C-alpha cells in the first residue's frame, strides 16, 4: 500500500484528475451507447485506477458529489432530451466538481482543469449529442426498430463496427468479419447496438 501511495504521489493530482475525468466520460459514453462491452470494461478499469488515487490523495467529498450529480443529470438527458436545464446543471456541476474534487493546495493546475472541461464539452456536443438527436427520431424503448432492415457497413465489423441504416450510423456486431461496403440485414437489437448478418457475397 505504501508503494502504491508513493506511485500516486509521484504522478500527482494532475494525472489522477485526468484519469478520473476519463473514467467519468467513458462511463457516460457506455451508458449512451450500451452493448459494446469494450466501453464498459474500459470504464471500470479507468475508474478503479482513479478510485485508488482518490483514496490515497486529499480528495473532497463535495467535489465527488458534484461530479456524481453531473453524471446523473447527463444520463437523465437520455429520457429528457429536450430538457436544457439538465444540460446546464450537469456541466455546471462538472466544472465545479473538477475544481473542488481535491482539497485546496492539492488541486490540479488551472490549465488542466480548463482543458479537461473544454474537451468534455466538445465531446458531448460532437459525439454524444448527435446520438441523442438520433434517439429523437428512433425510440430506444422500441426493440423492433430496424429489425429486418437492410444496411451498409461503414466501419468493418470485427466483431464490432458501424452500419448506416435509414440515414443514421449505428453500432453493430456480427458473428463473422464483415468488411466496409457490404450489405447486411438487421436481425436483432440490444440497446443502441444492432446485430446484423451479411446478405451478399464479399
Protein backbone atom coordinates (compact mmCIF):
# COMPACT_ATOMS: atom_id res chain seq x y z
CA UNK A 1 0.00 0.00 0.00
CA UNK A 2 2.88 2.36 0.84
CA UNK A 3 4.48 1.71 -2.53
CA UNK A 4 1.19 2.37 -4.30
CA UNK A 5 0.77 5.60 -2.36
CA UNK A 6 4.26 6.69 -3.39
CA UNK A 7 3.44 5.98 -7.04
CA UNK A 8 0.33 8.12 -6.92
CA UNK A 9 2.13 10.91 -5.09
CA UNK A 10 4.77 10.84 -7.79
CA UNK A 11 2.12 11.01 -10.50
CA UNK A 12 0.42 13.89 -8.70
CA UNK A 13 -3.15 15.14 -8.71
CA UNK A 14 -2.89 16.31 -12.34
CA UNK A 15 -2.64 12.73 -13.60
CA UNK A 16 -5.23 11.36 -11.16
CA UNK A 17 -7.63 14.13 -12.16
CA UNK A 18 -7.24 13.35 -15.87
CA UNK A 19 -7.82 9.64 -15.21
CA UNK A 20 -10.91 10.46 -13.13
CA UNK A 21 -12.43 12.64 -15.85
CA UNK A 22 -11.61 9.99 -18.45
CA UNK A 23 -13.43 7.43 -16.32
CA UNK A 24 -16.39 9.79 -15.98
CA UNK A 25 -16.76 10.15 -19.75
CA UNK A 26 -16.11 6.50 -20.51
CA UNK A 27 -18.90 5.66 -18.07
CA UNK A 28 -21.27 8.18 -19.63
CA UNK A 29 -20.45 7.00 -23.15
CA UNK A 30 -21.04 3.36 -22.20
CA UNK A 31 -24.48 4.37 -20.91
CA UNK A 32 -25.30 6.34 -24.07
CA UNK A 33 -24.02 3.54 -26.32
CA UNK A 34 -24.73 0.29 -24.41
CA UNK A 35 -23.92 -3.21 -25.51
CA UNK A 36 -20.42 -2.83 -26.94
CA UNK A 37 -18.76 -4.33 -23.86
CA UNK A 38 -15.44 -2.64 -24.59
CA UNK A 39 -16.55 0.72 -23.24
CA UNK A 40 -17.91 -0.82 -20.06
CA UNK A 41 -14.68 -2.73 -19.38
CA UNK A 42 -12.55 0.34 -20.12
CA UNK A 43 -14.72 2.48 -17.83
CA UNK A 44 -14.38 0.02 -14.94
CA UNK A 45 -10.59 -0.22 -15.32
CA UNK A 46 -10.11 3.55 -15.52
CA UNK A 47 -12.45 4.22 -12.60
CA UNK A 48 -10.61 1.68 -10.43
CA UNK A 49 -7.32 3.41 -11.23
CA UNK A 50 -8.83 6.81 -10.45
CA UNK A 51 -10.52 5.50 -7.30
CA UNK A 52 -7.21 4.25 -5.91
CA UNK A 53 -5.74 7.70 -6.42
CA UNK A 54 -8.71 9.40 -4.78
CA UNK A 55 -8.38 7.17 -1.71
CA UNK A 56 -4.67 7.89 -1.37
CA UNK A 57 -4.87 11.63 -2.03
CA UNK A 58 -6.58 14.55 -0.25
CA UNK A 59 -9.91 14.47 -2.02
CA UNK A 60 -13.11 16.35 -1.24
CA UNK A 61 -16.47 14.66 -0.78
CA UNK A 62 -18.15 17.81 -2.06
CA UNK A 63 -16.24 17.65 -5.34
CA UNK A 64 -17.01 13.97 -5.83
CA UNK A 65 -20.69 14.62 -5.06
CA UNK A 66 -20.78 17.39 -7.68
CA UNK A 67 -19.30 15.07 -10.31
CA UNK A 68 -21.88 12.42 -9.39
CA UNK A 69 -24.69 14.97 -9.81
CA UNK A 70 -23.20 15.93 -13.19
CA UNK A 71 -23.25 12.28 -14.27
CA UNK A 72 -26.86 11.83 -13.11
CA UNK A 73 -28.01 14.96 -14.97
CA UNK A 74 -26.31 13.99 -18.23
CA UNK A 75 -27.64 10.42 -18.00
CA UNK A 76 -31.14 11.79 -17.34
CA UNK A 77 -30.97 13.61 -20.67
CA UNK A 78 -31.41 10.26 -22.38
CA UNK A 79 -35.00 10.25 -21.14
CA UNK A 80 -35.48 14.03 -21.09
CA UNK A 81 -33.63 15.04 -24.24
CA UNK A 82 -35.29 18.44 -24.58
CA UNK A 83 -34.57 19.46 -21.00
CA UNK A 84 -31.77 22.00 -21.29
CA UNK A 85 -31.81 22.58 -17.54
CA UNK A 86 -30.32 19.12 -17.05
CA UNK A 87 -27.64 20.01 -19.59
CA UNK A 88 -26.79 23.30 -17.86
CA UNK A 89 -26.82 21.86 -14.35
CA UNK A 90 -24.82 18.82 -15.47
CA UNK A 91 -21.98 20.85 -16.92
CA UNK A 92 -22.04 23.40 -14.11
CA UNK A 93 -21.59 20.56 -11.62
CA UNK A 94 -18.91 19.04 -13.86
CA UNK A 95 -16.90 22.28 -13.76
CA UNK A 96 -17.38 22.82 -10.02
CA UNK A 97 -16.63 19.17 -9.28
CA UNK A 98 -13.43 19.43 -11.30
CA UNK A 99 -12.35 22.42 -9.23
CA UNK A 100 -13.26 21.06 -5.81
CA UNK A 101 -12.59 17.32 -6.17
CA UNK A 102 -9.22 17.82 -4.46
CA UNK A 103 -8.66 19.83 -1.33
CA UNK A 104 -7.03 23.30 -1.51
CA UNK A 105 -3.31 23.08 -2.02
CA UNK A 106 -3.55 19.76 -3.87
CA UNK A 107 -5.72 20.77 -6.81
CA UNK A 108 -4.66 20.20 -10.44
CA UNK A 109 -3.36 23.11 -12.44
CA UNK A 110 -5.91 25.60 -13.74
CA UNK A 111 -4.91 24.88 -17.34
CA UNK A 112 -5.59 21.15 -16.94
CA UNK A 113 -8.99 21.81 -15.35
CA UNK A 114 -9.94 24.20 -18.16
CA UNK A 115 -8.68 21.85 -20.88
CA UNK A 116 -10.50 18.84 -19.38
CA UNK A 117 -13.81 20.70 -19.24
CA UNK A 118 -13.47 22.15 -22.75
CA UNK A 119 -12.67 18.69 -24.16
CA UNK A 120 -15.61 17.22 -22.22
CA UNK A 121 -17.96 19.86 -23.64
CA UNK A 122 -16.67 19.29 -27.18
CA UNK A 123 -17.01 15.50 -26.81
CA UNK A 124 -20.58 15.82 -25.60
CA UNK A 125 -21.58 18.28 -28.34
CA UNK A 126 -19.85 16.50 -31.21
CA UNK A 127 -20.23 12.82 -30.24
CA UNK A 128 -22.93 12.19 -27.64
CA UNK A 129 -25.37 14.98 -28.52
CA UNK A 130 -25.80 13.75 -32.14
CA UNK A 131 -26.63 10.36 -30.65
CA UNK A 132 -29.46 11.96 -28.72
CA UNK A 133 -30.75 13.52 -31.94
CA UNK A 134 -30.93 10.02 -33.42
CA UNK A 135 -32.89 8.90 -30.38
CA UNK A 136 -35.35 11.73 -31.04
CA UNK A 137 -36.18 10.01 -34.32
CA UNK A 138 -35.91 6.42 -33.11
CA UNK A 139 -37.31 5.41 -29.75
CA UNK A 140 -34.81 3.40 -27.68
CA UNK A 141 -37.79 1.78 -25.99
CA UNK A 142 -38.88 0.02 -29.18
CA UNK A 143 -36.68 -3.08 -29.56
CA UNK A 144 -38.13 -3.86 -33.00
CA UNK A 145 -36.91 -0.67 -34.68
CA UNK A 146 -34.82 -1.50 -37.79
CA UNK A 147 -35.23 -5.29 -37.42
CA UNK A 148 -35.38 -6.71 -40.94
CA UNK A 149 -33.99 -3.54 -42.47
CA UNK A 150 -31.04 -3.56 -44.88
CA UNK A 151 -27.92 -1.56 -44.03
CA UNK A 152 -24.46 -0.76 -45.37
CA UNK A 153 -21.36 -1.48 -43.31
CA UNK A 154 -19.42 1.75 -42.78
CA UNK A 155 -16.82 0.55 -40.30
CA UNK A 156 -15.59 -3.02 -40.65
CA UNK A 157 -17.36 -5.31 -38.16
CA UNK A 158 -14.80 -7.44 -36.31
CA UNK A 159 -16.79 -8.25 -34.22
CA UNK A 160 -18.00 -4.68 -33.57
CA UNK A 161 -18.26 -1.94 -36.17
CA UNK A 162 -20.75 0.54 -37.59
CA UNK A 163 -23.53 0.40 -40.16
CA UNK A 164 -25.65 3.02 -41.86
CA UNK A 165 -29.35 2.30 -41.73
CA UNK A 166 -32.20 4.69 -42.51
CA UNK A 167 -29.77 7.57 -42.85
CA UNK A 168 -28.08 7.18 -39.45
CA UNK A 169 -24.98 5.36 -38.23
CA UNK A 170 -25.36 2.68 -35.57
CA UNK A 171 -23.00 0.43 -33.65
CA UNK A 172 -23.29 -3.13 -34.97
CA UNK A 173 -21.97 -6.58 -34.19
CA UNK A 174 -21.90 -9.88 -36.07
CA UNK A 175 -20.65 -13.45 -35.73
CA UNK A 176 -18.16 -13.01 -38.57
CA UNK A 177 -15.93 -10.34 -40.02
CA UNK A 178 -17.88 -8.12 -42.41
CA UNK A 179 -15.88 -5.59 -44.36
CA UNK A 180 -16.84 -1.99 -45.04
CA UNK A 181 -19.15 -1.51 -48.01
CA UNK A 182 -21.03 -4.81 -47.72
CA UNK A 183 -24.79 -5.02 -47.40
CA UNK A 184 -26.19 -6.56 -44.24
CA UNK A 185 -29.56 -7.18 -42.66
CA UNK A 186 -30.52 -6.26 -39.10
CA UNK A 187 -31.83 -9.31 -37.26
CA UNK A 188 -31.95 -8.06 -33.67
CA UNK A 189 -31.18 -5.09 -31.48
CA UNK A 190 -29.82 -4.59 -27.97
CA UNK A 191 -30.00 -1.02 -26.74
CA UNK A 192 -28.27 1.09 -29.37
CA UNK A 193 -26.38 -1.81 -30.91
CA UNK A 194 -27.64 -3.82 -33.87
CA UNK A 195 -26.90 -7.47 -34.64
CA UNK A 196 -26.51 -7.99 -38.37
CA UNK A 197 -25.85 -10.74 -40.92
CA UNK A 198 -24.44 -10.34 -44.44
CA UNK A 199 -26.91 -10.61 -47.31
CA UNK A 200 -24.50 -10.59 -50.25
CA UNK A 201 -21.23 -12.24 -51.18
CA UNK A 202 -17.92 -10.47 -50.44
